[in-house]
PDB file of all heavy atoms in Angstrom:
ATOM      1  N   GLN A   1       0.819  -1.205  -0.008  1.00  0.00           N
ATOM      2  CA  GLN A   1       0.001   0.031  -0.006  1.00  0.00           C
ATOM      3  C   GLN A   1       0.885   1.279  -0.049  1.00  0.00           C
ATOM      4  O   GLN A   1       0.504   2.259  -0.582  1.00  0.00           O
ATOM      5  CB  GLN A   1      -0.926  -0.031   1.247  1.00  0.00           C
ATOM      6  CG  GLN A   1      -1.989  -1.064   1.187  1.00  0.00           C
ATOM      7  CD  GLN A   1      -2.859  -0.972  -0.098  1.00  0.00           C
ATOM      8  OE1 GLN A   1      -3.303   0.074  -0.548  1.00  0.00           O
ATOM      9  NE2 GLN A   1      -3.165  -2.127  -0.744  1.00  0.00           N
ATOM     10  N   THR A   2       2.004   1.225   0.742  1.00  0.00           N
ATOM     11  CA  THR A   2       2.865   2.352   0.650  1.00  0.00           C
ATOM     12  C   THR A   2       3.411   2.613  -0.719  1.00  0.00           C
ATOM     13  O   THR A   2       3.468   3.776  -1.186  1.00  0.00           O
ATOM     14  CB  THR A   2       4.130   2.094   1.588  1.00  0.00           C
ATOM     15  OG1 THR A   2       3.589   1.865   2.947  1.00  0.00           O
ATOM     16  CG2 THR A   2       5.035   3.263   1.678  1.00  0.00           C
ATOM     17  N   MET A   3       3.754   1.534  -1.423  1.00  0.00           N
ATOM     18  CA  MET A   3       4.272   1.683  -2.813  1.00  0.00           C
ATOM     19  C   MET A   3       3.224   2.275  -3.705  1.00  0.00           C
ATOM     20  O   MET A   3       3.480   3.212  -4.486  1.00  0.00           O
ATOM     21  CB  MET A   3       4.673   0.310  -3.345  1.00  0.00           C
ATOM     22  CG  MET A   3       5.137   0.234  -4.849  1.00  0.00           C
ATOM     23  SD  MET A   3       5.307  -1.379  -5.417  1.00  0.00           S
ATOM     24  CE  MET A   3       3.604  -2.021  -5.355  1.00  0.00           C
ATOM     25  N   LEU A   4       1.992   1.703  -3.585  1.00  0.00           N
ATOM     26  CA  LEU A   4       0.860   2.212  -4.475  1.00  0.00           C
ATOM     27  C   LEU A   4       0.585   3.651  -4.211  1.00  0.00           C
ATOM     28  O   LEU A   4       0.262   4.427  -5.095  1.00  0.00           O
ATOM     29  CB  LEU A   4      -0.433   1.379  -4.235  1.00  0.00           C
ATOM     30  CG  LEU A   4      -0.285  -0.055  -4.665  1.00  0.00           C
ATOM     31  CD1 LEU A   4      -1.524  -0.810  -4.405  1.00  0.00           C
ATOM     32  CD2 LEU A   4       0.040  -0.243  -6.170  1.00  0.00           C
ATOM     33  N   LYS A   5       0.699   4.099  -2.972  1.00  0.00           N
ATOM     34  CA  LYS A   5       0.472   5.440  -2.601  1.00  0.00           C
ATOM     35  C   LYS A   5       1.530   6.370  -3.196  1.00  0.00           C
ATOM     36  O   LYS A   5       1.256   7.449  -3.743  1.00  0.00           O
ATOM     37  CB  LYS A   5       0.433   5.663  -1.041  1.00  0.00           C
ATOM     38  CG  LYS A   5       0.050   7.042  -0.560  1.00  0.00           C
ATOM     39  CD  LYS A   5      -0.094   7.079   0.889  1.00  0.00           C
ATOM     40  CE  LYS A   5      -0.447   8.451   1.393  1.00  0.00           C
ATOM     41  NZ  LYS A   5      -0.510   8.523   2.821  1.00  0.00           N
ATOM     42  N   LYS A   6       2.734   5.956  -3.144  1.00  0.00           N
ATOM     43  CA  LYS A   6       3.869   6.739  -3.661  1.00  0.00           C
ATOM     44  C   LYS A   6       3.840   6.762  -5.155  1.00  0.00           C
ATOM     45  O   LYS A   6       4.129   7.834  -5.766  1.00  0.00           O
ATOM     46  CB  LYS A   6       5.220   6.123  -3.247  1.00  0.00           C
ATOM     47  CG  LYS A   6       5.553   6.332  -1.733  1.00  0.00           C
ATOM     48  CD  LYS A   6       6.911   5.828  -1.427  1.00  0.00           C
ATOM     49  CE  LYS A   6       7.247   6.099   0.023  1.00  0.00           C
ATOM     50  NZ  LYS A   6       8.585   5.631   0.422  1.00  0.00           N
ATOM     51  N   LEU A   7       3.299   5.746  -5.790  1.00  0.00           N
ATOM     52  CA  LEU A   7       3.200   5.788  -7.286  1.00  0.00           C
ATOM     53  C   LEU A   7       1.854   6.386  -7.763  1.00  0.00           C
ATOM     54  O   LEU A   7       1.606   6.554  -8.933  1.00  0.00           O
ATOM     55  CB  LEU A   7       3.284   4.321  -7.827  1.00  0.00           C
ATOM     56  CG  LEU A   7       4.633   3.638  -7.706  1.00  0.00           C
ATOM     57  CD1 LEU A   7       4.522   2.142  -8.127  1.00  0.00           C
ATOM     58  CD2 LEU A   7       5.677   4.300  -8.497  1.00  0.00           C
ATOM     59  N   LYS A   8       0.965   6.719  -6.755  1.00  0.00           N
ATOM     60  CA  LYS A   8      -0.264   7.365  -7.071  1.00  0.00           C
ATOM     61  C   LYS A   8      -1.117   6.484  -8.051  1.00  0.00           C
ATOM     62  O   LYS A   8      -1.652   6.994  -9.023  1.00  0.00           O
ATOM     63  CB  LYS A   8      -0.044   8.767  -7.666  1.00  0.00           C
ATOM     64  CG  LYS A   8       0.749   9.661  -6.750  1.00  0.00           C
ATOM     65  CD  LYS A   8       1.011  11.017  -7.432  1.00  0.00           C
ATOM     66  CE  LYS A   8       1.824  11.969  -6.538  1.00  0.00           C
ATOM     67  NZ  LYS A   8       2.099  13.232  -7.222  1.00  0.00           N
ATOM     68  N   LEU A   9      -1.205   5.199  -7.694  1.00  0.00           N
ATOM     69  CA  LEU A   9      -1.967   4.232  -8.555  1.00  0.00           C
ATOM     70  C   LEU A   9      -3.288   3.954  -7.802  1.00  0.00           C
ATOM     71  O   LEU A   9      -3.378   3.276  -6.810  1.00  0.00           O
ATOM     72  CB  LEU A   9      -1.174   2.969  -8.748  1.00  0.00           C
ATOM     73  CG  LEU A   9       0.090   3.109  -9.575  1.00  0.00           C
ATOM     74  CD1 LEU A   9       0.788   1.732  -9.661  1.00  0.00           C
ATOM     75  CD2 LEU A   9      -0.285   3.515 -11.031  1.00  0.00           C
ATOM     76  N   SER A  10      -4.373   4.524  -8.324  1.00  0.00           N
ATOM     77  CA  SER A  10      -5.718   4.210  -7.851  1.00  0.00           C
ATOM     78  C   SER A  10      -6.435   3.209  -8.723  1.00  0.00           C
ATOM     79  O   SER A  10      -5.840   2.761  -9.720  1.00  0.00           O
ATOM     80  CB  SER A  10      -6.527   5.565  -7.787  1.00  0.00           C
ATOM     81  OG  SER A  10      -6.676   6.084  -9.081  1.00  0.00           O
ATOM     82  N   ASN A  11      -7.714   2.967  -8.421  1.00  0.00           N
ATOM     83  CA  ASN A  11      -8.409   1.994  -9.213  1.00  0.00           C
ATOM     84  C   ASN A  11      -8.544   2.545 -10.624  1.00  0.00           C
ATOM     85  O   ASN A  11      -8.629   1.738 -11.598  1.00  0.00           O
ATOM     86  CB  ASN A  11      -9.820   1.757  -8.609  1.00  0.00           C
ATOM     87  CG  ASN A  11      -9.727   0.966  -7.317  1.00  0.00           C
ATOM     88  OD1 ASN A  11      -8.787   0.201  -7.116  1.00  0.00           O
ATOM     89  ND2 ASN A  11     -10.682   1.158  -6.410  1.00  0.00           N
ATOM     90  N   ALA A  12      -8.697   3.861 -10.803  1.00  0.00           N
ATOM     91  CA  ALA A  12      -8.835   4.449 -12.108  1.00  0.00           C
ATOM     92  C   ALA A  12      -7.597   4.158 -12.966  1.00  0.00           C
ATOM     93  O   ALA A  12      -7.711   3.874 -14.167  1.00  0.00           O
ATOM     94  CB  ALA A  12      -9.083   5.971 -12.044  1.00  0.00           C
ATOM     95  N   GLU A  13      -6.438   4.301 -12.303  1.00  0.00           N
ATOM     96  CA  GLU A  13      -5.203   4.011 -13.073  1.00  0.00           C
ATOM     97  C   GLU A  13      -5.055   2.498 -13.463  1.00  0.00           C
ATOM     98  O   GLU A  13      -4.546   2.188 -14.486  1.00  0.00           O
ATOM     99  CB  GLU A  13      -4.004   4.418 -12.228  1.00  0.00           C
ATOM    100  CG  GLU A  13      -3.589   5.871 -12.351  1.00  0.00           C
ATOM    101  CD  GLU A  13      -4.691   6.812 -11.697  1.00  0.00           C
ATOM    102  OE1 GLU A  13      -5.100   6.501 -10.607  1.00  0.00           O
ATOM    103  OE2 GLU A  13      -4.944   7.878 -12.259  1.00  0.00           O
ATOM    104  N   PHE A  14      -5.559   1.671 -12.522  1.00  0.00           N
ATOM    105  CA  PHE A  14      -5.544   0.210 -12.846  1.00  0.00           C
ATOM    106  C   PHE A  14      -6.345  -0.072 -14.059  1.00  0.00           C
ATOM    107  O   PHE A  14      -5.968  -0.858 -14.959  1.00  0.00           O
ATOM    108  CB  PHE A  14      -5.978  -0.631 -11.607  1.00  0.00           C
ATOM    109  CG  PHE A  14      -4.874  -0.879 -10.621  1.00  0.00           C
ATOM    110  CD1 PHE A  14      -4.561   0.073  -9.683  1.00  0.00           C
ATOM    111  CD2 PHE A  14      -4.289  -2.091 -10.576  1.00  0.00           C
ATOM    112  CE1 PHE A  14      -3.535  -0.198  -8.728  1.00  0.00           C
ATOM    113  CE2 PHE A  14      -3.246  -2.386  -9.697  1.00  0.00           C
ATOM    114  CZ  PHE A  14      -2.925  -1.398  -8.736  1.00  0.00           C
ATOM    115  N   ASP A  15      -7.553   0.550 -14.080  1.00  0.00           N
ATOM    116  CA  ASP A  15      -8.412   0.360 -15.256  1.00  0.00           C
ATOM    117  C   ASP A  15      -7.750   0.905 -16.518  1.00  0.00           C
ATOM    118  O   ASP A  15      -7.864   0.236 -17.650  1.00  0.00           O
ATOM    119  CB  ASP A  15      -9.801   0.994 -15.050  1.00  0.00           C
ATOM    120  CG  ASP A  15     -10.520   0.342 -13.944  1.00  0.00           C
ATOM    121  OD1 ASP A  15     -10.287  -0.813 -13.630  1.00  0.00           O
ATOM    122  OD2 ASP A  15     -11.421   0.955 -13.353  1.00  0.00           O
ATOM    123  N   ARG A  16      -7.156   2.024 -16.375  1.00  0.00           N
ATOM    124  CA  ARG A  16      -6.514   2.619 -17.545  1.00  0.00           C
ATOM    125  C   ARG A  16      -5.365   1.737 -18.081  1.00  0.00           C
ATOM    126  O   ARG A  16      -5.276   1.595 -19.295  1.00  0.00           O
ATOM    127  CB  ARG A  16      -5.896   3.957 -17.196  1.00  0.00           C
ATOM    128  CG  ARG A  16      -5.329   4.776 -18.301  1.00  0.00           C
ATOM    129  CD  ARG A  16      -4.707   6.051 -17.732  1.00  0.00           C
ATOM    130  NE  ARG A  16      -3.803   6.694 -18.709  1.00  0.00           N
ATOM    131  CZ  ARG A  16      -2.898   7.575 -18.458  1.00  0.00           C
ATOM    132  NH1 ARG A  16      -2.705   7.961 -17.116  1.00  0.00           N
ATOM    133  NH2 ARG A  16      -2.182   8.123 -19.380  1.00  0.00           N
ATOM    134  N   ILE A  17      -4.612   1.125 -17.171  1.00  0.00           N
ATOM    135  CA  ILE A  17      -3.528   0.233 -17.630  1.00  0.00           C
ATOM    136  C   ILE A  17      -4.072  -1.025 -18.257  1.00  0.00           C
ATOM    137  O   ILE A  17      -3.582  -1.487 -19.344  1.00  0.00           O
ATOM    138  CB  ILE A  17      -2.636  -0.110 -16.401  1.00  0.00           C
ATOM    139  CG1 ILE A  17      -1.924   1.144 -15.900  1.00  0.00           C
ATOM    140  CG2 ILE A  17      -1.678  -1.268 -16.746  1.00  0.00           C
ATOM    141  CD1 ILE A  17      -1.177   0.925 -14.509  1.00  0.00           C
ATOM    142  N   ALA A  18      -5.226  -1.565 -17.742  1.00  0.00           N
ATOM    143  CA  ALA A  18      -5.806  -2.747 -18.315  1.00  0.00           C
ATOM    144  C   ALA A  18      -6.318  -2.423 -19.750  1.00  0.00           C
ATOM    145  O   ALA A  18      -6.193  -3.268 -20.628  1.00  0.00           O
ATOM    146  CB  ALA A  18      -6.940  -3.236 -17.421  1.00  0.00           C
ATOM    147  N   ASP A  19      -6.910  -1.255 -19.908  1.00  0.00           N
ATOM    148  CA  ASP A  19      -7.426  -0.884 -21.226  1.00  0.00           C
ATOM    149  C   ASP A  19      -6.262  -0.726 -22.234  1.00  0.00           C
ATOM    150  O   ASP A  19      -6.462  -1.021 -23.401  1.00  0.00           O
ATOM    151  CB  ASP A  19      -8.214   0.509 -21.084  1.00  0.00           C
ATOM    152  CG  ASP A  19      -9.485   0.387 -20.348  1.00  0.00           C
ATOM    153  OD1 ASP A  19      -9.972  -0.812 -20.169  1.00  0.00           O
ATOM    154  OD2 ASP A  19      -9.969   1.316 -19.831  1.00  0.00           O
ATOM    155  N   ALA A  20      -5.112  -0.224 -21.737  1.00  0.00           N
ATOM    156  CA  ALA A  20      -4.012  -0.059 -22.552  1.00  0.00           C
ATOM    157  C   ALA A  20      -3.404  -1.373 -23.082  1.00  0.00           C
ATOM    158  O   ALA A  20      -3.111  -1.589 -24.260  1.00  0.00           O
ATOM    159  CB  ALA A  20      -2.865   0.739 -21.841  1.00  0.00           C
ATOM    160  N   VAL A  21      -3.441  -2.374 -22.171  1.00  0.00           N
ATOM    161  CA  VAL A  21      -2.977  -3.739 -22.560  1.00  0.00           C
ATOM    162  C   VAL A  21      -3.935  -4.316 -23.573  1.00  0.00           C
ATOM    163  O   VAL A  21      -3.586  -4.935 -24.589  1.00  0.00           O
ATOM    164  CB  VAL A  21      -2.892  -4.644 -21.367  1.00  0.00           C
ATOM    165  CG1 VAL A  21      -2.661  -6.058 -21.756  1.00  0.00           C
ATOM    166  CG2 VAL A  21      -1.806  -4.077 -20.361  1.00  0.00           C
ATOM    167  N   ALA A  22      -5.279  -4.214 -23.307  1.00  0.00           N
ATOM    168  CA  ALA A  22      -6.268  -4.734 -24.217  1.00  0.00           C
ATOM    169  C   ALA A  22      -6.218  -4.105 -25.599  1.00  0.00           C
ATOM    170  O   ALA A  22      -6.269  -4.776 -26.636  1.00  0.00           O
ATOM    171  CB  ALA A  22      -7.678  -4.541 -23.677  1.00  0.00           C
ATOM    172  N   LYS A  23      -5.948  -2.748 -25.633  1.00  0.00           N
ATOM    173  CA  LYS A  23      -5.864  -2.100 -26.920  1.00  0.00           C
ATOM    174  C   LYS A  23      -4.597  -2.548 -27.641  1.00  0.00           C
ATOM    175  O   LYS A  23      -4.642  -2.725 -28.904  1.00  0.00           O
ATOM    176  CB  LYS A  23      -5.810  -0.514 -26.670  1.00  0.00           C
ATOM    177  CG  LYS A  23      -5.747   0.265 -27.923  1.00  0.00           C
ATOM    178  CD  LYS A  23      -5.756   1.754 -27.643  1.00  0.00           C
ATOM    179  CE  LYS A  23      -5.658   2.593 -28.922  1.00  0.00           C
ATOM    180  NZ  LYS A  23      -5.653   4.043 -28.625  1.00  0.00           N
ATOM    181  N   ALA A  24      -3.481  -2.657 -26.939  1.00  0.00           N
ATOM    182  CA  ALA A  24      -2.220  -3.089 -27.609  1.00  0.00           C
ATOM    183  C   ALA A  24      -2.359  -4.498 -28.141  1.00  0.00           C
ATOM    184  O   ALA A  24      -1.905  -4.804 -29.257  1.00  0.00           O
ATOM    185  CB  ALA A  24      -1.062  -2.994 -26.640  1.00  0.00           C
ATOM    186  N   GLU A  25      -3.086  -5.386 -27.385  1.00  0.00           N
ATOM    187  CA  GLU A  25      -3.126  -6.743 -27.791  1.00  0.00           C
ATOM    188  C   GLU A  25      -4.124  -7.014 -28.935  1.00  0.00           C
ATOM    189  O   GLU A  25      -4.119  -8.011 -29.637  1.00  0.00           O
ATOM    190  CB  GLU A  25      -3.498  -7.636 -26.600  1.00  0.00           C
ATOM    191  CG  GLU A  25      -2.335  -7.770 -25.598  1.00  0.00           C
ATOM    192  CD  GLU A  25      -2.768  -8.621 -24.401  1.00  0.00           C
ATOM    193  OE1 GLU A  25      -3.990  -8.991 -24.282  1.00  0.00           O
ATOM    194  OE2 GLU A  25      -1.907  -8.991 -23.595  1.00  0.00           O
ATOM    195  N   SER A  26      -5.026  -5.994 -29.138  1.00  0.00           N
ATOM    196  CA  SER A  26      -6.031  -6.025 -30.238  1.00  0.00           C
ATOM    197  C   SER A  26      -5.370  -5.982 -31.559  1.00  0.00           C
ATOM    198  O   SER A  26      -5.914  -6.401 -32.569  1.00  0.00           O
ATOM    199  CB  SER A  26      -7.089  -5.059 -30.089  1.00  0.00           C
ATOM    200  OG  SER A  26      -6.545  -3.762 -30.285  1.00  0.00           O
ATOM    201  N   LYS A  27      -4.132  -5.468 -31.619  1.00  0.00           N
ATOM    202  CA  LYS A  27      -3.369  -5.275 -32.844  1.00  0.00           C
ATOM    203  C   LYS A  27      -2.367  -6.356 -33.140  1.00  0.00           C
ATOM    204  O   LYS A  27      -1.602  -6.261 -34.097  1.00  0.00           O
ATOM    205  CB  LYS A  27      -2.714  -3.862 -32.932  1.00  0.00           C
ATOM    206  CG  LYS A  27      -3.715  -2.710 -32.710  1.00  0.00           C
ATOM    207  CD  LYS A  27      -2.975  -1.398 -32.556  1.00  0.00           C
ATOM    208  CE  LYS A  27      -3.952  -0.258 -32.248  1.00  0.00           C
ATOM    209  NZ  LYS A  27      -3.140   1.089 -32.111  1.00  0.00           N
ATOM    210  N   THR A  28      -2.281  -7.321 -32.270  1.00  0.00           N
ATOM    211  CA  THR A  28      -1.193  -8.304 -32.338  1.00  0.00           C
ATOM    212  C   THR A  28      -1.621  -9.672 -31.777  1.00  0.00           C
ATOM    213  O   THR A  28      -2.548  -9.621 -30.937  1.00  0.00           O
ATOM    214  CB  THR A  28       0.094  -7.815 -31.663  1.00  0.00           C
ATOM    215  OG1 THR A  28       1.067  -8.894 -31.663  1.00  0.00           O
ATOM    216  CG2 THR A  28      -0.198  -7.471 -30.184  1.00  0.00           C
ATOM    217  N   THR A  29      -1.003 -10.728 -32.174  1.00  0.00           N
ATOM    218  CA  THR A  29      -1.239 -12.008 -31.546  1.00  0.00           C
ATOM    219  C   THR A  29      -0.357 -12.156 -30.340  1.00  0.00           C
ATOM    220  O   THR A  29      -0.437 -13.163 -29.691  1.00  0.00           O
ATOM    221  CB  THR A  29      -0.943 -13.103 -32.545  1.00  0.00           C
ATOM    222  OG1 THR A  29       0.431 -12.992 -33.064  1.00  0.00           O
ATOM    223  CG2 THR A  29      -1.906 -13.106 -33.728  1.00  0.00           C
ATOM    224  N   GLY A  30       0.480 -11.176 -30.103  1.00  0.00           N
ATOM    225  CA  GLY A  30       1.334 -11.217 -28.879  1.00  0.00           C
ATOM    226  C   GLY A  30       0.525 -10.911 -27.676  1.00  0.00           C
ATOM    227  O   GLY A  30      -0.537 -10.450 -27.730  1.00  0.00           O
ATOM    228  N   GLU A  31       1.101 -11.283 -26.536  1.00  0.00           N
ATOM    229  CA  GLU A  31       0.475 -11.065 -25.223  1.00  0.00           C
ATOM    230  C   GLU A  31       1.377 -10.336 -24.301  1.00  0.00           C
ATOM    231  O   GLU A  31       2.595 -10.479 -24.317  1.00  0.00           O
ATOM    232  CB  GLU A  31       0.192 -12.444 -24.573  1.00  0.00           C
ATOM    233  CG  GLU A  31      -0.873 -13.311 -25.352  1.00  0.00           C
ATOM    234  CD  GLU A  31      -2.279 -12.686 -25.217  1.00  0.00           C
ATOM    235  OE1 GLU A  31      -2.551 -12.032 -24.178  1.00  0.00           O
ATOM    236  OE2 GLU A  31      -3.000 -12.850 -26.169  1.00  0.00           O
ATOM    237  N   ILE A  32       0.806  -9.448 -23.492  1.00  0.00           N
ATOM    238  CA  ILE A  32       1.577  -8.581 -22.645  1.00  0.00           C
ATOM    239  C   ILE A  32       1.096  -8.776 -21.209  1.00  0.00           C
ATOM    240  O   ILE A  32      -0.093  -8.668 -20.981  1.00  0.00           O
ATOM    241  CB  ILE A  32       1.417  -7.073 -22.990  1.00  0.00           C
ATOM    242  CG1 ILE A  32       1.851  -6.844 -24.443  1.00  0.00           C
ATOM    243  CG2 ILE A  32       2.159  -6.193 -21.996  1.00  0.00           C
ATOM    244  CD1 ILE A  32       1.532  -5.414 -24.955  1.00  0.00           C
ATOM    245  N   LYS A  33       2.026  -9.108 -20.314  1.00  0.00           N
ATOM    246  CA  LYS A  33       1.719  -9.239 -18.954  1.00  0.00           C
ATOM    247  C   LYS A  33       2.577  -8.228 -18.161  1.00  0.00           C
ATOM    248  O   LYS A  33       3.811  -8.184 -18.358  1.00  0.00           O
ATOM    249  CB  LYS A  33       2.026 -10.629 -18.493  1.00  0.00           C
ATOM    250  CG  LYS A  33       1.858 -10.874 -16.941  1.00  0.00           C
ATOM    251  CD  LYS A  33       0.475 -10.623 -16.447  1.00  0.00           C
ATOM    252  CE  LYS A  33      -0.548 -11.546 -16.995  1.00  0.00           C
ATOM    253  NZ  LYS A  33      -1.883 -11.325 -16.391  1.00  0.00           N
ATOM    254  N   ILE A  34       2.001  -7.413 -17.389  1.00  0.00           N
ATOM    255  CA  ILE A  34       2.723  -6.380 -16.522  1.00  0.00           C
ATOM    256  C   ILE A  34       2.586  -6.635 -15.078  1.00  0.00           C
ATOM    257  O   ILE A  34       1.451  -6.845 -14.643  1.00  0.00           O
ATOM    258  CB  ILE A  34       2.244  -4.963 -16.964  1.00  0.00           C
ATOM    259  CG1 ILE A  34       3.051  -3.878 -16.186  1.00  0.00           C
ATOM    260  CG2 ILE A  34       0.770  -4.748 -16.835  1.00  0.00           C
ATOM    261  CD1 ILE A  34       2.858  -2.544 -16.773  1.00  0.00           C
ATOM    262  N   VAL A  35       3.680  -6.661 -14.380  1.00  0.00           N
ATOM    263  CA  VAL A  35       3.696  -7.008 -12.979  1.00  0.00           C
ATOM    264  C   VAL A  35       4.510  -5.990 -12.160  1.00  0.00           C
ATOM    265  O   VAL A  35       5.586  -5.631 -12.576  1.00  0.00           O
ATOM    266  CB  VAL A  35       4.304  -8.424 -12.686  1.00  0.00           C
ATOM    267  CG1 VAL A  35       4.287  -8.830 -11.231  1.00  0.00           C
ATOM    268  CG2 VAL A  35       3.507  -9.471 -13.499  1.00  0.00           C
ATOM    269  N   LEU A  36       4.002  -5.581 -11.021  1.00  0.00           N
ATOM    270  CA  LEU A  36       4.581  -4.657 -10.214  1.00  0.00           C
ATOM    271  C   LEU A  36       4.827  -5.236  -8.807  1.00  0.00           C
ATOM    272  O   LEU A  36       3.978  -5.873  -8.202  1.00  0.00           O
ATOM    273  CB  LEU A  36       3.760  -3.407 -10.016  1.00  0.00           C
ATOM    274  CG  LEU A  36       4.194  -2.322  -9.073  1.00  0.00           C
ATOM    275  CD1 LEU A  36       5.530  -1.625  -9.417  1.00  0.00           C
ATOM    276  CD2 LEU A  36       3.076  -1.234  -8.870  1.00  0.00           C
ATOM    277  N   ALA A  37       6.069  -5.089  -8.306  1.00  0.00           N
ATOM    278  CA  ALA A  37       6.443  -5.633  -6.969  1.00  0.00           C
ATOM    279  C   ALA A  37       7.092  -4.553  -6.104  1.00  0.00           C
ATOM    280  O   ALA A  37       7.829  -3.744  -6.640  1.00  0.00           O
ATOM    281  CB  ALA A  37       7.399  -6.852  -7.120  1.00  0.00           C
ATOM    282  N   PRO A  38       6.727  -4.565  -4.794  1.00  0.00           N
ATOM    283  CA  PRO A  38       7.422  -3.611  -3.903  1.00  0.00           C
ATOM    284  C   PRO A  38       8.954  -3.793  -3.918  1.00  0.00           C
ATOM    285  O   PRO A  38       9.684  -2.817  -3.822  1.00  0.00           O
ATOM    286  CB  PRO A  38       6.748  -3.868  -2.537  1.00  0.00           C
ATOM    287  CG  PRO A  38       5.555  -4.569  -2.834  1.00  0.00           C
ATOM    288  CD  PRO A  38       5.799  -5.357  -4.090  1.00  0.00           C
ATOM    289  N   GLU A  39       9.391  -5.012  -3.925  1.00  0.00           N
ATOM    290  CA  GLU A  39      10.773  -5.359  -3.998  1.00  0.00           C
ATOM    291  C   GLU A  39      10.878  -6.749  -4.468  1.00  0.00           C
ATOM    292  O   GLU A  39       9.987  -7.563  -4.402  1.00  0.00           O
ATOM    293  CB  GLU A  39      11.434  -5.195  -2.593  1.00  0.00           C
ATOM    294  CG  GLU A  39      10.701  -5.995  -1.505  1.00  0.00           C
ATOM    295  CD  GLU A  39      11.267  -5.687  -0.093  1.00  0.00           C
ATOM    296  OE1 GLU A  39      12.108  -4.862   0.056  1.00  0.00           O
ATOM    297  OE2 GLU A  39      10.717  -6.357   0.864  1.00  0.00           O
ATOM    298  N   SER A  40      12.125  -7.080  -5.021  1.00  0.00           N
ATOM    299  CA  SER A  40      12.292  -8.434  -5.584  1.00  0.00           C
ATOM    300  C   SER A  40      12.797  -9.402  -4.550  1.00  0.00           C
ATOM    301  O   SER A  40      12.759 -10.617  -4.770  1.00  0.00           O
ATOM    302  CB  SER A  40      13.299  -8.315  -6.737  1.00  0.00           C
ATOM    303  OG  SER A  40      12.706  -7.719  -7.839  1.00  0.00           O
ATOM    304  N   ALA A  41      13.259  -8.929  -3.416  1.00  0.00           N
ATOM    305  CA  ALA A  41      13.788  -9.755  -2.273  1.00  0.00           C
ATOM    306  C   ALA A  41      13.627  -9.026  -1.020  1.00  0.00           C
ATOM    307  O   ALA A  41      13.564  -7.823  -1.025  1.00  0.00           O
ATOM    308  CB  ALA A  41      15.206 -10.286  -2.612  1.00  0.00           C
ATOM    309  N   HIS A  42      13.738  -9.738   0.059  1.00  0.00           N
ATOM    310  CA  HIS A  42      13.649  -9.080   1.418  1.00  0.00           C
ATOM    311  C   HIS A  42      14.927  -8.496   1.834  1.00  0.00           C
ATOM    312  O   HIS A  42      15.042  -7.540   2.605  1.00  0.00           O
ATOM    313  CB  HIS A  42      13.172 -10.048   2.467  1.00  0.00           C
ATOM    314  CG  HIS A  42      11.669 -10.385   2.414  1.00  0.00           C
ATOM    315  ND1 HIS A  42      10.745  -9.440   2.658  1.00  0.00           N
ATOM    316  CD2 HIS A  42      11.033 -11.490   2.079  1.00  0.00           C
ATOM    317  CE1 HIS A  42       9.577  -9.970   2.506  1.00  0.00           C
ATOM    318  NE2 HIS A  42       9.729 -11.224   2.115  1.00  0.00           N
ATOM    319  N   TYR A  43      16.044  -9.048   1.421  1.00  0.00           N
ATOM    320  CA  TYR A  43      17.417  -8.529   1.715  1.00  0.00           C
ATOM    321  C   TYR A  43      17.653  -8.465   3.143  1.00  0.00           C
ATOM    322  O   TYR A  43      18.454  -7.594   3.635  1.00  0.00           O
ATOM    323  CB  TYR A  43      17.634  -7.140   1.106  1.00  0.00           C
ATOM    324  CG  TYR A  43      17.369  -7.100  -0.379  1.00  0.00           C
ATOM    325  CD1 TYR A  43      16.369  -6.247  -0.919  1.00  0.00           C
ATOM    326  CD2 TYR A  43      18.167  -7.803  -1.257  1.00  0.00           C
ATOM    327  CE1 TYR A  43      16.144  -6.217  -2.323  1.00  0.00           C
ATOM    328  CE2 TYR A  43      17.914  -7.745  -2.643  1.00  0.00           C
ATOM    329  CZ  TYR A  43      16.926  -6.933  -3.160  1.00  0.00           C
ATOM    330  OH  TYR A  43      16.704  -6.842  -4.509  1.00  0.00           O
ATOM    331  N   ALA A  44      17.039  -9.373   3.938  1.00  0.00           N
ATOM    332  CA  ALA A  44      17.232  -9.321   5.405  1.00  0.00           C
ATOM    333  C   ALA A  44      18.630  -9.514   5.823  1.00  0.00           C
ATOM    334  O   ALA A  44      19.173  -8.941   6.811  1.00  0.00           O
ATOM    335  CB  ALA A  44      16.276 -10.370   6.021  1.00  0.00           C
ATOM    336  N   PHE A  45      19.414 -10.387   5.104  1.00  0.00           N
ATOM    337  CA  PHE A  45      20.812 -10.666   5.475  1.00  0.00           C
ATOM    338  C   PHE A  45      21.583  -9.388   5.455  1.00  0.00           C
ATOM    339  O   PHE A  45      22.383  -9.058   6.363  1.00  0.00           O
ATOM    340  CB  PHE A  45      21.391 -11.683   4.512  1.00  0.00           C
ATOM    341  CG  PHE A  45      22.869 -11.870   4.658  1.00  0.00           C
ATOM    342  CD1 PHE A  45      23.430 -12.533   5.649  1.00  0.00           C
ATOM    343  CD2 PHE A  45      23.718 -11.190   3.756  1.00  0.00           C
ATOM    344  CE1 PHE A  45      24.795 -12.683   5.818  1.00  0.00           C
ATOM    345  CE2 PHE A  45      25.046 -11.296   3.863  1.00  0.00           C
ATOM    346  CZ  PHE A  45      25.652 -12.099   4.913  1.00  0.00           C
TER     347      PHE A  45
END
């Protein structure tokens, strides 16, 4: 939630991103998957 707040990503932005993926994929047989993570590892060590 801290990450989403800093990136200013609300439900409206999520819908906008999904629409962009659908629009891009309508012109190609390719597939686009977009994933966001707060971090790739915990780095506790």
